[in-house]
């Protein structure tokens, strides 16, 4: 955080403008909801369990959507994470801003700014219960979602 004498300083991510609800990605013209659907289907392709997509924009204000899923072992968690990253890049042209949890694979978080994908081991998902925390958030309906 010194002087910007060469004009090449990185922008401060805390002050950058955050796109609004269902903002459109300029490169691929996809909304956060469409990217959540891509992520949910990708998780489903790799046998993610109990996949839900939540519209948390009105509740949180800093993120538009969550996708939450789990798997029974770390190999499946890794496969789901890799497939979500691949499909979001191929179909929407986006890469995660940050990835957390690859060290133990019990809870991997993929941060796409307006979309956050959570991939858990089954016992970790049960322990943290994100769905209970975001009970007021409406679900994003997708073709693989069980009727609620």
N, C-alpha and C. Protein backbone atom coordinates (compact mmCIF):
# COMPACT_ATOMS: atom_id res chain seq x y z
N UNK A 1 0.82 -1.19 0.00
CA UNK A 1 0.00 0.00 0.00
C UNK A 1 0.87 1.25 0.00
N UNK A 2 1.90 1.27 -0.82
CA UNK A 2 2.75 2.45 -0.89
C UNK A 2 2.26 3.39 -1.97
N UNK A 3 3.15 4.33 -2.35
CA UNK A 3 2.82 5.27 -3.41
C UNK A 3 2.69 4.54 -4.73
N UNK A 4 1.77 5.01 -5.55
CA UNK A 4 1.57 4.43 -6.87
C UNK A 4 2.31 5.30 -7.88
N UNK A 5 3.63 5.10 -7.94
CA UNK A 5 4.43 5.96 -8.79
C UNK A 5 4.47 5.49 -10.23
N UNK A 6 4.25 4.19 -10.48
CA UNK A 6 4.33 3.71 -11.85
C UNK A 6 2.96 3.54 -12.51
N UNK A 7 1.89 3.82 -11.77
CA UNK A 7 0.55 3.73 -12.33
C UNK A 7 0.05 2.30 -12.54
N UNK A 8 0.74 1.32 -11.99
CA UNK A 8 0.40 -0.08 -12.23
C UNK A 8 -0.06 -0.80 -10.97
N UNK A 9 -0.48 -0.08 -9.98
CA UNK A 9 -0.90 -0.71 -8.73
C UNK A 9 -2.17 -1.51 -8.93
N UNK A 10 -2.29 -2.59 -8.18
CA UNK A 10 -3.50 -3.41 -8.20
C UNK A 10 -4.66 -2.62 -7.61
N UNK A 11 -5.86 -2.76 -8.19
CA UNK A 11 -7.00 -2.05 -7.60
C UNK A 11 -7.34 -2.63 -6.23
N UNK A 12 -7.83 -1.81 -5.35
CA UNK A 12 -8.25 -2.24 -4.03
C UNK A 12 -9.60 -2.93 -4.16
N UNK A 13 -9.64 -4.27 -3.95
CA UNK A 13 -10.87 -5.02 -4.15
C UNK A 13 -11.95 -4.64 -3.15
N UNK A 14 -11.58 -4.04 -2.05
CA UNK A 14 -12.58 -3.63 -1.07
C UNK A 14 -13.41 -2.46 -1.56
N UNK A 15 -12.88 -1.68 -2.49
CA UNK A 15 -13.59 -0.49 -2.94
C UNK A 15 -14.11 -0.61 -4.36
N UNK A 16 -13.87 -1.72 -5.03
CA UNK A 16 -14.34 -1.82 -6.41
C UNK A 16 -15.86 -1.94 -6.43
N UNK A 17 -16.43 -1.49 -7.50
CA UNK A 17 -17.88 -1.57 -7.66
C UNK A 17 -18.27 -3.02 -7.82
N UNK A 18 -19.22 -3.46 -7.05
CA UNK A 18 -19.74 -4.82 -7.15
C UNK A 18 -20.98 -4.79 -8.01
N UNK A 19 -21.05 -5.66 -9.03
CA UNK A 19 -22.23 -5.67 -9.88
C UNK A 19 -23.48 -5.97 -9.06
N UNK A 20 -24.61 -5.48 -9.53
CA UNK A 20 -25.88 -5.70 -8.84
C UNK A 20 -26.43 -7.08 -9.04
N UNK A 21 -27.57 -7.33 -8.44
CA UNK A 21 -28.26 -8.62 -8.51
C UNK A 21 -28.37 -9.08 -9.95
N UNK A 22 -28.06 -10.34 -10.16
CA UNK A 22 -28.12 -10.94 -11.49
C UNK A 22 -27.33 -10.15 -12.52
N UNK A 23 -26.22 -9.63 -12.09
CA UNK A 23 -25.39 -8.86 -12.99
C UNK A 23 -24.91 -9.73 -14.14
N UNK A 24 -24.66 -9.12 -15.26
CA UNK A 24 -24.24 -9.85 -16.44
C UNK A 24 -22.73 -9.80 -16.56
N UNK A 25 -22.13 -10.96 -16.76
CA UNK A 25 -20.71 -11.05 -17.01
C UNK A 25 -20.47 -10.54 -18.42
N UNK A 26 -19.67 -9.52 -18.57
CA UNK A 26 -19.48 -8.90 -19.89
C UNK A 26 -18.94 -9.88 -20.91
N UNK A 27 -18.04 -10.76 -20.51
CA UNK A 27 -17.38 -11.65 -21.47
C UNK A 27 -18.35 -12.66 -22.07
N UNK A 28 -19.21 -13.22 -21.27
CA UNK A 28 -20.05 -14.30 -21.76
C UNK A 28 -21.55 -14.03 -21.62
N UNK A 29 -21.92 -12.89 -21.11
CA UNK A 29 -23.34 -12.51 -20.96
C UNK A 29 -24.16 -13.54 -20.18
N UNK A 30 -23.65 -13.94 -19.02
CA UNK A 30 -24.40 -14.83 -18.15
C UNK A 30 -24.68 -14.13 -16.83
N UNK A 31 -25.84 -14.40 -16.27
CA UNK A 31 -26.19 -13.82 -14.98
C UNK A 31 -25.68 -14.71 -13.85
N UNK A 32 -25.70 -14.20 -12.65
CA UNK A 32 -25.28 -15.00 -11.49
C UNK A 32 -26.20 -16.21 -11.32
N UNK A 33 -27.49 -16.05 -11.62
CA UNK A 33 -28.41 -17.19 -11.53
C UNK A 33 -28.06 -18.25 -12.57
N UNK A 34 -27.75 -17.83 -13.78
CA UNK A 34 -27.36 -18.78 -14.82
C UNK A 34 -26.07 -19.51 -14.43
N UNK A 35 -25.13 -18.79 -13.84
CA UNK A 35 -23.89 -19.43 -13.40
C UNK A 35 -24.15 -20.39 -12.24
N UNK A 36 -25.10 -20.05 -11.37
CA UNK A 36 -25.47 -20.97 -10.29
C UNK A 36 -26.05 -22.26 -10.87
N UNK A 37 -26.85 -22.14 -11.91
CA UNK A 37 -27.42 -23.33 -12.56
C UNK A 37 -26.34 -24.17 -13.23
N UNK A 38 -25.38 -23.52 -13.85
CA UNK A 38 -24.25 -24.25 -14.44
C UNK A 38 -23.50 -25.02 -13.35
N UNK A 39 -23.24 -24.36 -12.24
CA UNK A 39 -22.51 -24.99 -11.13
C UNK A 39 -23.31 -26.16 -10.55
N UNK A 40 -24.61 -25.99 -10.38
CA UNK A 40 -25.45 -27.07 -9.84
C UNK A 40 -25.45 -28.27 -10.76
N UNK A 41 -25.58 -28.04 -12.04
CA UNK A 41 -25.58 -29.15 -13.01
C UNK A 41 -24.21 -29.83 -13.07
N UNK A 42 -23.14 -29.05 -12.95
CA UNK A 42 -21.80 -29.62 -12.94
C UNK A 42 -21.61 -30.52 -11.73
N UNK A 43 -22.07 -30.06 -10.56
CA UNK A 43 -21.99 -30.88 -9.35
C UNK A 43 -22.81 -32.15 -9.52
N UNK A 44 -23.97 -32.03 -10.13
CA UNK A 44 -24.82 -33.18 -10.39
C UNK A 44 -24.14 -34.17 -11.33
N UNK A 45 -23.43 -33.67 -12.32
CA UNK A 45 -22.71 -34.53 -13.27
C UNK A 45 -21.67 -35.40 -12.57
N UNK A 46 -21.13 -34.92 -11.46
CA UNK A 46 -20.11 -35.66 -10.71
C UNK A 46 -20.67 -36.26 -9.43
N UNK A 47 -21.97 -36.46 -9.39
CA UNK A 47 -22.65 -37.16 -8.28
C UNK A 47 -22.65 -36.39 -6.97
N UNK A 48 -22.69 -35.06 -7.06
CA UNK A 48 -22.90 -34.26 -5.86
C UNK A 48 -24.26 -34.62 -5.27
N UNK A 49 -24.36 -34.64 -3.96
CA UNK A 49 -25.59 -35.05 -3.27
C UNK A 49 -26.34 -33.83 -2.73
N UNK A 50 -27.67 -33.92 -2.73
CA UNK A 50 -28.54 -32.89 -2.15
C UNK A 50 -28.13 -31.49 -2.57
N UNK A 51 -28.04 -31.28 -3.87
CA UNK A 51 -27.59 -30.00 -4.41
C UNK A 51 -28.72 -28.99 -4.29
N UNK A 52 -28.39 -27.85 -3.69
CA UNK A 52 -29.35 -26.75 -3.65
C UNK A 52 -28.68 -25.48 -4.13
N UNK A 53 -29.47 -24.64 -4.76
CA UNK A 53 -29.02 -23.32 -5.19
C UNK A 53 -29.91 -22.31 -4.50
N UNK A 54 -29.30 -21.35 -3.84
CA UNK A 54 -30.03 -20.35 -3.07
C UNK A 54 -29.79 -18.95 -3.62
N UNK A 55 -30.84 -18.17 -3.68
CA UNK A 55 -30.75 -16.76 -4.05
C UNK A 55 -30.57 -15.98 -2.75
N UNK A 56 -29.33 -15.68 -2.42
CA UNK A 56 -29.03 -15.02 -1.14
C UNK A 56 -28.80 -13.52 -1.29
N UNK A 57 -29.01 -12.99 -2.48
CA UNK A 57 -28.73 -11.58 -2.74
C UNK A 57 -29.46 -10.62 -1.83
N UNK A 58 -30.74 -10.85 -1.60
CA UNK A 58 -31.52 -9.95 -0.76
C UNK A 58 -31.19 -10.12 0.72
N UNK A 59 -30.74 -11.32 1.09
CA UNK A 59 -30.43 -11.60 2.49
C UNK A 59 -29.02 -11.15 2.85
N UNK A 60 -28.07 -11.36 1.93
CA UNK A 60 -26.67 -11.07 2.22
C UNK A 60 -26.19 -9.72 1.72
N UNK A 61 -26.49 -9.41 0.50
CA UNK A 61 -26.05 -8.15 -0.07
C UNK A 61 -24.69 -8.16 -0.73
N UNK A 62 -23.83 -9.11 -0.39
CA UNK A 62 -22.49 -9.14 -1.01
C UNK A 62 -22.33 -10.27 -2.01
N UNK A 63 -23.26 -11.21 -2.02
CA UNK A 63 -23.25 -12.36 -2.93
C UNK A 63 -24.68 -12.55 -3.41
N UNK A 64 -24.84 -12.93 -4.67
CA UNK A 64 -26.18 -13.17 -5.21
C UNK A 64 -26.67 -14.59 -4.99
N UNK A 65 -25.77 -15.58 -5.11
CA UNK A 65 -26.22 -16.97 -5.09
C UNK A 65 -25.20 -17.88 -4.42
N UNK A 66 -25.73 -18.91 -3.76
CA UNK A 66 -24.94 -20.02 -3.21
C UNK A 66 -25.38 -21.29 -3.93
N UNK A 67 -24.42 -22.15 -4.18
CA UNK A 67 -24.71 -23.54 -4.55
C UNK A 67 -24.05 -24.38 -3.48
N UNK A 68 -24.82 -25.31 -2.91
CA UNK A 68 -24.33 -26.14 -1.81
C UNK A 68 -24.55 -27.60 -2.18
N UNK A 69 -23.51 -28.41 -2.00
CA UNK A 69 -23.61 -29.84 -2.26
C UNK A 69 -22.62 -30.57 -1.36
N UNK A 70 -22.70 -31.91 -1.37
CA UNK A 70 -21.72 -32.68 -0.62
C UNK A 70 -21.45 -34.00 -1.32
N UNK A 71 -20.40 -34.66 -0.84
CA UNK A 71 -20.00 -35.97 -1.37
C UNK A 71 -19.56 -36.83 -0.20
N UNK A 72 -19.50 -38.12 -0.44
CA UNK A 72 -19.20 -39.07 0.64
C UNK A 72 -17.71 -39.25 0.91
N UNK A 73 -16.84 -38.79 -0.01
CA UNK A 73 -15.40 -38.92 0.21
C UNK A 73 -14.65 -37.78 -0.47
N UNK A 74 -13.39 -37.62 -0.10
CA UNK A 74 -12.61 -36.48 -0.60
C UNK A 74 -12.33 -36.57 -2.10
N UNK A 75 -12.23 -37.78 -2.65
CA UNK A 75 -12.04 -37.90 -4.11
C UNK A 75 -13.22 -37.32 -4.86
N UNK A 76 -14.43 -37.61 -4.36
CA UNK A 76 -15.63 -37.06 -5.01
C UNK A 76 -15.72 -35.55 -4.81
N UNK A 77 -15.35 -35.06 -3.63
CA UNK A 77 -15.33 -33.61 -3.41
C UNK A 77 -14.43 -32.96 -4.45
N UNK A 78 -13.24 -33.50 -4.63
CA UNK A 78 -12.29 -32.94 -5.61
C UNK A 78 -12.84 -33.02 -7.02
N UNK A 79 -13.48 -34.14 -7.37
CA UNK A 79 -14.05 -34.29 -8.72
C UNK A 79 -15.15 -33.25 -8.96
N UNK A 80 -15.98 -33.01 -7.96
CA UNK A 80 -17.05 -32.02 -8.08
C UNK A 80 -16.45 -30.63 -8.26
N UNK A 81 -15.48 -30.28 -7.43
CA UNK A 81 -14.82 -28.98 -7.52
C UNK A 81 -14.22 -28.77 -8.90
N UNK A 82 -13.51 -29.77 -9.38
CA UNK A 82 -12.88 -29.66 -10.71
C UNK A 82 -13.91 -29.50 -11.82
N UNK A 83 -15.02 -30.21 -11.72
CA UNK A 83 -16.06 -30.14 -12.75
C UNK A 83 -16.77 -28.78 -12.72
N UNK A 84 -17.04 -28.27 -11.55
CA UNK A 84 -17.67 -26.95 -11.44
C UNK A 84 -16.76 -25.90 -12.06
N UNK A 85 -15.48 -25.94 -11.71
CA UNK A 85 -14.53 -24.97 -12.27
C UNK A 85 -14.47 -25.08 -13.79
N UNK A 86 -14.41 -26.31 -14.29
CA UNK A 86 -14.32 -26.54 -15.74
C UNK A 86 -15.56 -26.01 -16.46
N UNK A 87 -16.74 -26.40 -15.97
CA UNK A 87 -17.96 -26.01 -16.67
C UNK A 87 -18.23 -24.50 -16.58
N UNK A 88 -17.93 -23.89 -15.44
CA UNK A 88 -18.12 -22.44 -15.36
C UNK A 88 -17.16 -21.71 -16.28
N UNK A 89 -15.96 -22.24 -16.47
CA UNK A 89 -15.03 -21.62 -17.40
C UNK A 89 -15.47 -21.84 -18.84
N UNK A 90 -15.83 -23.08 -19.17
CA UNK A 90 -16.21 -23.39 -20.55
C UNK A 90 -17.53 -22.74 -20.96
N UNK A 91 -18.50 -22.69 -20.07
CA UNK A 91 -19.83 -22.19 -20.43
C UNK A 91 -20.05 -20.72 -20.13
N UNK A 92 -19.31 -20.19 -19.18
CA UNK A 92 -19.53 -18.79 -18.81
C UNK A 92 -18.27 -17.95 -18.89
N UNK A 93 -17.14 -18.58 -19.13
CA UNK A 93 -15.90 -17.84 -19.26
C UNK A 93 -15.37 -17.25 -17.97
N UNK A 94 -15.75 -17.84 -16.83
CA UNK A 94 -15.31 -17.30 -15.54
C UNK A 94 -14.43 -18.30 -14.79
N UNK A 95 -13.50 -17.73 -14.04
CA UNK A 95 -12.65 -18.50 -13.14
C UNK A 95 -12.91 -18.02 -11.72
N UNK A 96 -12.71 -18.90 -10.74
CA UNK A 96 -12.94 -18.44 -9.36
C UNK A 96 -11.93 -17.36 -8.97
N UNK A 97 -12.44 -16.39 -8.22
CA UNK A 97 -11.57 -15.34 -7.67
C UNK A 97 -10.68 -15.92 -6.59
N UNK A 98 -11.24 -16.89 -5.84
CA UNK A 98 -10.50 -17.56 -4.78
C UNK A 98 -11.06 -18.96 -4.58
N UNK A 99 -10.20 -19.86 -4.15
CA UNK A 99 -10.59 -21.23 -3.80
C UNK A 99 -10.01 -21.52 -2.44
N UNK A 100 -10.85 -21.96 -1.52
CA UNK A 100 -10.41 -22.29 -0.16
C UNK A 100 -10.78 -23.73 0.16
N UNK A 101 -9.93 -24.40 0.95
CA UNK A 101 -10.26 -25.72 1.46
C UNK A 101 -9.71 -26.90 0.69
N UNK A 102 -8.83 -26.66 -0.27
CA UNK A 102 -8.28 -27.77 -1.04
C UNK A 102 -7.28 -28.59 -0.24
N UNK A 103 -6.82 -28.06 0.89
CA UNK A 103 -5.84 -28.78 1.69
C UNK A 103 -6.42 -30.04 2.32
N UNK A 104 -7.65 -29.99 2.84
CA UNK A 104 -8.22 -31.21 3.45
C UNK A 104 -9.50 -31.69 2.78
N UNK A 105 -10.07 -30.87 1.89
CA UNK A 105 -11.24 -31.25 1.08
C UNK A 105 -12.48 -31.60 1.91
N UNK A 106 -12.58 -31.08 3.13
CA UNK A 106 -13.80 -31.32 3.89
C UNK A 106 -14.85 -30.25 3.59
N UNK A 107 -14.38 -29.04 3.22
CA UNK A 107 -15.27 -27.95 2.80
C UNK A 107 -14.48 -27.09 1.82
N UNK A 108 -14.83 -27.19 0.56
CA UNK A 108 -14.17 -26.38 -0.46
C UNK A 108 -15.12 -25.26 -0.87
N UNK A 109 -14.61 -24.05 -0.87
CA UNK A 109 -15.39 -22.88 -1.25
C UNK A 109 -14.79 -22.29 -2.52
N UNK A 110 -15.63 -22.15 -3.54
CA UNK A 110 -15.24 -21.52 -4.80
C UNK A 110 -15.91 -20.16 -4.85
N UNK A 111 -15.13 -19.10 -4.85
CA UNK A 111 -15.65 -17.73 -4.82
C UNK A 111 -15.59 -17.12 -6.21
N UNK A 112 -16.77 -16.88 -6.79
CA UNK A 112 -16.89 -16.26 -8.10
C UNK A 112 -17.48 -14.85 -7.97
N UNK A 113 -17.20 -14.17 -6.89
CA UNK A 113 -17.72 -12.83 -6.58
C UNK A 113 -19.21 -12.86 -6.27
N UNK A 114 -20.07 -12.94 -7.29
CA UNK A 114 -21.51 -12.92 -7.05
C UNK A 114 -22.11 -14.30 -6.88
N UNK A 115 -21.29 -15.32 -6.99
CA UNK A 115 -21.68 -16.72 -6.79
C UNK A 115 -20.63 -17.39 -5.91
N UNK A 116 -21.09 -18.13 -4.91
CA UNK A 116 -20.18 -18.92 -4.08
C UNK A 116 -20.68 -20.36 -4.10
N UNK A 117 -19.77 -21.28 -4.43
CA UNK A 117 -20.09 -22.71 -4.48
C UNK A 117 -19.42 -23.38 -3.28
N UNK A 118 -20.22 -24.11 -2.50
CA UNK A 118 -19.73 -24.84 -1.33
C UNK A 118 -19.82 -26.33 -1.62
N UNK A 119 -18.68 -27.02 -1.53
CA UNK A 119 -18.67 -28.47 -1.72
C UNK A 119 -18.11 -29.09 -0.44
N UNK A 120 -18.96 -29.87 0.23
CA UNK A 120 -18.63 -30.43 1.53
C UNK A 120 -18.44 -31.93 1.48
N UNK A 121 -17.72 -32.46 2.46
CA UNK A 121 -17.88 -33.86 2.84
C UNK A 121 -19.22 -33.95 3.56
N UNK A 122 -19.89 -35.09 3.47
CA UNK A 122 -21.25 -35.17 4.01
C UNK A 122 -21.32 -34.82 5.50
N UNK A 123 -20.39 -35.30 6.31
CA UNK A 123 -20.46 -35.00 7.75
C UNK A 123 -20.15 -33.54 8.05
N UNK A 124 -19.32 -32.91 7.24
CA UNK A 124 -19.01 -31.49 7.43
C UNK A 124 -20.23 -30.64 7.08
N UNK A 125 -20.91 -31.00 6.02
CA UNK A 125 -22.13 -30.26 5.65
C UNK A 125 -23.17 -30.36 6.75
N UNK A 126 -23.33 -31.55 7.29
CA UNK A 126 -24.31 -31.74 8.36
C UNK A 126 -23.95 -30.90 9.59
N UNK A 127 -22.66 -30.87 9.92
CA UNK A 127 -22.20 -30.12 11.09
C UNK A 127 -22.48 -28.62 10.96
N UNK A 128 -22.12 -28.03 9.81
CA UNK A 128 -22.26 -26.59 9.64
C UNK A 128 -23.67 -26.16 9.25
N UNK A 129 -24.40 -26.98 8.54
CA UNK A 129 -25.80 -26.71 8.21
C UNK A 129 -26.06 -25.35 7.57
N UNK A 130 -25.36 -25.04 6.50
CA UNK A 130 -25.56 -23.75 5.84
C UNK A 130 -27.00 -23.52 5.42
N UNK A 131 -27.68 -24.58 5.01
CA UNK A 131 -29.08 -24.42 4.61
C UNK A 131 -29.92 -23.86 5.75
N UNK A 132 -29.62 -24.26 6.97
CA UNK A 132 -30.37 -23.75 8.12
C UNK A 132 -30.07 -22.27 8.35
N UNK A 133 -28.82 -21.86 8.12
CA UNK A 133 -28.44 -20.46 8.28
C UNK A 133 -29.13 -19.56 7.26
N UNK A 134 -29.37 -20.08 6.07
CA UNK A 134 -29.95 -19.30 4.97
C UNK A 134 -31.37 -19.77 4.66
N UNK A 135 -32.09 -20.16 5.69
CA UNK A 135 -33.45 -20.66 5.54
C UNK A 135 -34.39 -19.66 4.87
N UNK A 136 -34.15 -18.37 5.09
CA UNK A 136 -35.01 -17.34 4.51
C UNK A 136 -34.71 -17.06 3.04
N UNK A 137 -33.62 -17.58 2.54
CA UNK A 137 -33.25 -17.31 1.14
C UNK A 137 -34.06 -18.21 0.21
N UNK A 138 -34.64 -17.62 -0.83
CA UNK A 138 -35.39 -18.44 -1.79
C UNK A 138 -34.47 -19.38 -2.56
N UNK A 139 -35.01 -20.53 -2.92
CA UNK A 139 -34.25 -21.49 -3.71
C UNK A 139 -34.33 -21.13 -5.19
N UNK A 140 -33.24 -21.37 -5.87
CA UNK A 140 -33.21 -21.24 -7.33
C UNK A 140 -33.57 -22.61 -7.88
N UNK A 141 -34.66 -22.68 -8.60
CA UNK A 141 -35.13 -23.97 -9.12
C UNK A 141 -34.27 -24.35 -10.32
N UNK A 142 -33.83 -25.60 -10.32
CA UNK A 142 -33.08 -26.12 -11.45
C UNK A 142 -33.57 -27.52 -11.75
N UNK A 143 -33.29 -28.02 -12.94
CA UNK A 143 -33.89 -29.27 -13.42
C UNK A 143 -33.52 -30.50 -12.61
N UNK A 144 -32.43 -30.47 -11.86
CA UNK A 144 -32.05 -31.63 -11.05
C UNK A 144 -32.51 -31.51 -9.61
N UNK A 145 -33.08 -30.37 -9.25
CA UNK A 145 -33.49 -30.14 -7.86
C UNK A 145 -34.72 -30.95 -7.52
N UNK A 146 -34.69 -31.52 -6.33
CA UNK A 146 -35.86 -32.25 -5.85
C UNK A 146 -36.96 -31.25 -5.50
N UNK A 147 -38.18 -31.65 -5.70
CA UNK A 147 -39.30 -30.77 -5.37
C UNK A 147 -39.29 -30.50 -3.87
N UNK A 148 -39.44 -29.25 -3.50
CA UNK A 148 -39.40 -28.87 -2.09
C UNK A 148 -40.77 -28.36 -1.66
